[in-house]
Amino acid sequence: MSRDEQLRERWEFLVEKLSAQFSDGDPLELDGIVYLVGVQELGNFHRKFKKDEKVNLMHIAICRLLEPYGYYDFDFFDDDGWPHYKIKEQLPPLKAGEQAVLMKEAVVNYFLEKEYIT
């Protein structure tokens, strides 16, 4: 099986599993899954987030997801428990499709690491 096929199959399985658990089966999109990663990384599951906090959760998730690729490094937790990252290397210019593939790969790898999927 090619790497692209494996990524596609894992992505589809992950979307199904997360959608069943968090959205009553309505398929989650990439942004929704990235948001879930942010909530997971913050570790504060049972509260409502304000709009600016949701943006920050997405940022946390993107940093965490791209950390293994060498783009970000974890820096510290602030007094409120929010993780902070520093930019290690600028992302190269990517087309929209390339960005989506990179993020899907990073998300799949994250959930493999967390043993949510195999």
Protein backbone atom coordinates (compact mmCIF):
# COMPACT_ATOMS: atom_id res chain seq x y z
CA MET A 1 0.00 0.00 0.00
CA SER A 2 1.36 3.42 -0.90
CA ARG A 3 1.99 6.07 1.72
CA ASP A 4 -0.80 8.23 0.23
CA GLU A 5 -3.30 5.36 0.39
CA GLN A 6 -2.34 4.57 3.98
CA LEU A 7 -2.75 8.22 4.96
CA ARG A 8 -6.14 8.39 3.23
CA GLU A 9 -7.37 5.23 4.95
CA ARG A 10 -6.13 6.31 8.36
CA TRP A 11 -7.60 9.79 7.88
CA GLU A 12 -11.02 8.41 6.92
CA PHE A 13 -10.98 6.01 9.89
CA LEU A 14 -9.96 8.82 12.26
CA VAL A 15 -12.70 11.14 10.95
CA GLU A 16 -15.30 8.39 11.41
CA LYS A 17 -14.14 7.60 14.95
CA LEU A 18 -13.91 11.23 16.09
CA SER A 19 -17.19 12.13 14.40
CA ALA A 20 -19.00 9.28 16.16
CA GLN A 21 -17.55 10.37 19.50
CA PHE A 22 -17.86 14.16 19.24
CA SER A 23 -20.42 15.14 16.61
CA ASP A 24 -23.18 12.53 16.64
CA GLY A 25 -21.78 11.04 13.43
CA ASP A 26 -21.78 14.24 11.37
CA PRO A 27 -18.37 14.15 9.68
CA LEU A 28 -15.87 16.48 11.31
CA GLU A 29 -13.72 18.58 9.04
CA LEU A 30 -10.00 19.22 9.46
CA ASP A 31 -10.57 22.48 11.38
CA GLY A 32 -12.85 20.74 13.86
CA ILE A 33 -10.30 18.00 14.46
CA VAL A 34 -7.51 20.55 14.90
CA TYR A 35 -9.73 22.30 17.47
CA LEU A 36 -10.15 18.98 19.33
CA VAL A 37 -6.36 18.57 19.40
CA GLY A 38 -6.09 22.04 20.94
CA VAL A 39 -8.60 21.16 23.64
CA GLN A 40 -6.75 17.89 24.28
CA GLU A 41 -3.43 19.69 24.60
CA LEU A 42 -4.89 22.28 26.97
CA GLY A 43 -6.48 19.50 29.00
CA ASN A 44 -9.50 21.57 29.97
CA PHE A 45 -12.33 19.50 28.52
CA HIS A 46 -15.49 20.62 30.29
CA ARG A 47 -15.76 24.32 29.73
CA LYS A 48 -17.03 26.72 27.12
CA PHE A 49 -14.38 28.72 25.29
CA LYS A 50 -14.70 32.31 24.11
CA LYS A 51 -14.05 33.11 20.46
CA ASP A 52 -10.48 34.35 21.07
CA GLU A 53 -9.76 31.27 23.19
CA LYS A 54 -10.94 29.05 20.33
CA VAL A 55 -8.47 30.78 18.02
CA ASN A 56 -5.75 30.20 20.62
CA LEU A 57 -6.73 26.52 20.87
CA MET A 58 -6.32 26.19 17.11
CA HIS A 59 -2.89 27.83 17.38
CA ILE A 60 -1.85 25.46 20.17
CA ALA A 61 -2.95 22.50 18.08
CA ILE A 62 -1.11 23.64 14.97
CA CYS A 63 2.08 24.22 16.96
CA ARG A 64 1.79 20.83 18.65
CA LEU A 65 0.97 19.04 15.39
CA LEU A 66 3.89 20.60 13.53
CA GLU A 67 6.38 20.27 16.38
CA PRO A 68 7.58 16.81 15.23
CA TYR A 69 8.29 18.32 11.80
CA GLY A 70 10.73 20.80 13.33
CA TYR A 71 8.65 23.96 12.87
CA TYR A 72 7.85 24.64 16.54
CA ASP A 73 9.30 23.85 19.95
CA PHE A 74 7.33 23.72 23.17
CA ASP A 75 8.43 26.64 25.36
CA PHE A 76 6.41 26.77 28.61
CA PHE A 77 3.00 26.65 30.28
CA ASP A 78 1.70 30.03 31.43
CA ASP A 79 0.06 30.63 34.82
CA ASP A 80 -3.34 29.63 33.39
CA GLY A 81 -1.98 26.32 32.08
CA TRP A 82 -1.90 27.31 28.41
CA PRO A 83 1.06 25.87 26.48
CA HIS A 84 3.28 28.24 24.53
CA TYR A 85 5.50 27.37 21.59
CA LYS A 86 8.29 29.18 19.83
CA ILE A 87 8.86 29.13 16.11
CA LYS A 88 11.88 27.04 15.26
CA GLU A 89 11.64 27.26 11.48
CA GLN A 90 9.26 29.10 9.17
CA LEU A 91 6.86 26.92 7.23
CA PRO A 92 7.68 26.84 3.53
CA PRO A 93 5.14 28.38 1.18
CA LEU A 94 2.57 25.66 0.48
CA LYS A 95 -0.42 25.51 -1.81
CA ALA A 96 -3.78 24.94 -0.10
CA GLY A 97 -3.83 21.25 -1.07
CA GLU A 98 -0.29 20.74 0.21
CA GLN A 99 -1.21 22.43 3.50
CA ALA A 100 -4.19 20.12 3.92
CA VAL A 101 -2.10 17.02 3.26
CA LEU A 102 0.58 18.15 5.73
CA MET A 103 -2.02 18.85 8.42
CA LYS A 104 -3.88 15.57 7.83
CA GLU A 105 -0.60 13.67 8.06
CA ALA A 106 0.31 15.54 11.26
CA VAL A 107 -3.14 14.87 12.77
CA VAL A 108 -2.98 11.17 11.90
CA ASN A 109 0.52 10.93 13.40
CA TYR A 110 -0.68 12.72 16.55
CA PHE A 111 -3.53 10.25 17.08
CA LEU A 112 -1.24 7.31 16.30
CA GLU A 113 1.17 8.63 18.96
CA LYS A 114 -1.71 8.98 21.44
CA GLU A 115 -2.78 5.40 20.52
CA TYR A 116 -6.28 6.60 19.67
CA ILE A 117 -5.91 4.83 16.31
CA THR A 118 -3.52 2.14 15.10
